[in-house]
Amino acid sequence: EGFYDDIAGVLTAQKINIEQLQADAKKYIDNIANVQMSLDSGNLSDPKKFHPEDRVSQVVQRTMKEARRKAEQMQLYLDEMKRVFDDILT
């Protein structure tokens, strides 16, 4: 019974698709980078393109600091996960 309890998480973990997890994380990281580029020098950087009462840029900029931090943290987790996964397989 103790051994079964010890490996109970393995049954759940075996169903995780590592490639899909990596792709989803990379997509999130890339999306944050794209939004930041749009804010810096793209469509979202020119206030003349918006209606005078439009606050899209302001709202997005408020959340970008936290989004960038999360994307950086996710990249670190992703790199570590790849390293550990590769170590396990070799």
Protein backbone atom coordinates (compact mmCIF):
# COMPACT_ATOMS: atom_id res chain seq x y z
CA GLU A 1 0.00 0.00 0.00
CA GLY A 2 2.86 2.44 0.74
CA PHE A 3 4.49 1.81 -2.63
CA TYR A 4 1.21 2.42 -4.44
CA ASP A 5 0.82 5.73 -2.61
CA ASP A 6 4.40 6.66 -3.51
CA ILE A 7 3.85 6.19 -7.23
CA ALA A 8 0.27 7.46 -7.44
CA GLY A 9 1.45 10.69 -9.10
CA VAL A 10 3.20 8.71 -11.82
CA LEU A 11 -0.10 7.61 -13.31
CA THR A 12 -1.15 11.22 -13.73
CA ALA A 13 2.28 12.33 -14.95
CA GLN A 14 2.42 9.64 -17.63
CA LYS A 15 -0.51 11.29 -19.38
CA ILE A 16 1.27 14.63 -19.77
CA ASN A 17 2.38 15.35 -23.31
CA ILE A 18 5.77 17.05 -22.88
CA GLU A 19 5.89 18.35 -26.44
CA GLN A 20 2.46 19.97 -26.08
CA LEU A 21 3.44 21.47 -22.74
CA GLN A 22 6.59 22.94 -24.29
CA ALA A 23 4.66 24.27 -27.29
CA ASP A 24 2.03 25.92 -25.07
CA ALA A 25 4.67 27.55 -22.87
CA LYS A 26 6.60 28.79 -25.90
CA LYS A 27 3.39 30.18 -27.43
CA TYR A 28 2.65 32.14 -24.24
CA ILE A 29 6.20 33.51 -24.12
CA ASP A 30 6.07 34.50 -27.80
CA ASN A 31 2.65 36.15 -27.40
CA ILE A 32 3.93 38.32 -24.55
CA ALA A 33 6.97 39.31 -26.61
CA ASN A 34 4.74 40.18 -29.59
CA VAL A 35 2.45 42.36 -27.49
CA GLN A 36 5.46 44.13 -26.01
CA MET A 37 6.87 44.78 -29.50
CA SER A 38 3.49 46.17 -30.57
CA LEU A 39 3.50 48.49 -27.57
CA ASP A 40 7.07 49.60 -28.22
CA SER A 41 7.09 50.08 -31.97
CA GLY A 42 4.06 48.49 -33.58
CA ASN A 43 0.34 49.09 -33.93
CA LEU A 44 -0.18 49.78 -30.23
CA SER A 45 2.62 52.36 -30.05
CA ASP A 46 0.86 55.10 -32.04
CA PRO A 47 -1.94 56.80 -30.05
CA LYS A 48 -3.15 58.51 -33.25
CA LYS A 49 -4.49 55.17 -34.49
CA PHE A 50 -6.95 54.92 -31.61
CA HIS A 51 -10.17 56.71 -30.81
CA PRO A 52 -9.45 59.56 -28.35
CA GLU A 53 -11.38 57.76 -25.61
CA ASP A 54 -9.83 54.36 -26.30
CA ARG A 55 -7.79 53.08 -23.38
CA VAL A 56 -6.52 49.80 -24.86
CA SER A 57 -2.88 50.83 -24.69
CA GLN A 58 -3.17 52.01 -21.08
CA VAL A 59 -4.91 48.85 -19.93
CA VAL A 60 -2.49 46.55 -21.73
CA GLN A 61 0.57 48.42 -20.46
CA ARG A 62 -0.62 48.04 -16.87
CA THR A 63 -0.58 44.27 -17.12
CA MET A 64 2.57 43.88 -19.23
CA LYS A 65 5.08 44.14 -16.38
CA GLU A 66 3.54 41.15 -14.63
CA ALA A 67 3.06 39.30 -17.93
CA ARG A 68 6.75 39.79 -18.83
CA ARG A 69 7.78 38.56 -15.38
CA LYS A 70 5.61 35.47 -15.76
CA ALA A 71 6.94 34.84 -19.27
CA GLU A 72 10.53 35.08 -18.02
CA GLN A 73 9.74 32.72 -15.15
CA MET A 74 8.01 30.32 -17.52
CA GLN A 75 11.07 30.35 -19.79
CA LEU A 76 13.25 29.40 -16.81
CA TYR A 77 10.87 26.58 -15.85
CA LEU A 78 10.74 25.43 -19.47
CA ASP A 79 14.53 25.34 -19.76
CA GLU A 80 14.83 23.43 -16.48
CA MET A 81 12.09 20.99 -17.49
CA LYS A 82 13.85 20.29 -20.80
CA ARG A 83 17.15 19.75 -19.00
CA VAL A 84 15.67 17.35 -16.44
CA PHE A 85 13.64 15.50 -19.07
CA ASP A 86 16.71 15.08 -21.29
CA ASP A 87 18.75 13.90 -18.29
CA ILE A 88 16.13 11.29 -17.48
CA LEU A 89 16.08 9.99 -21.04
CA THR A 90 19.86 9.73 -21.39
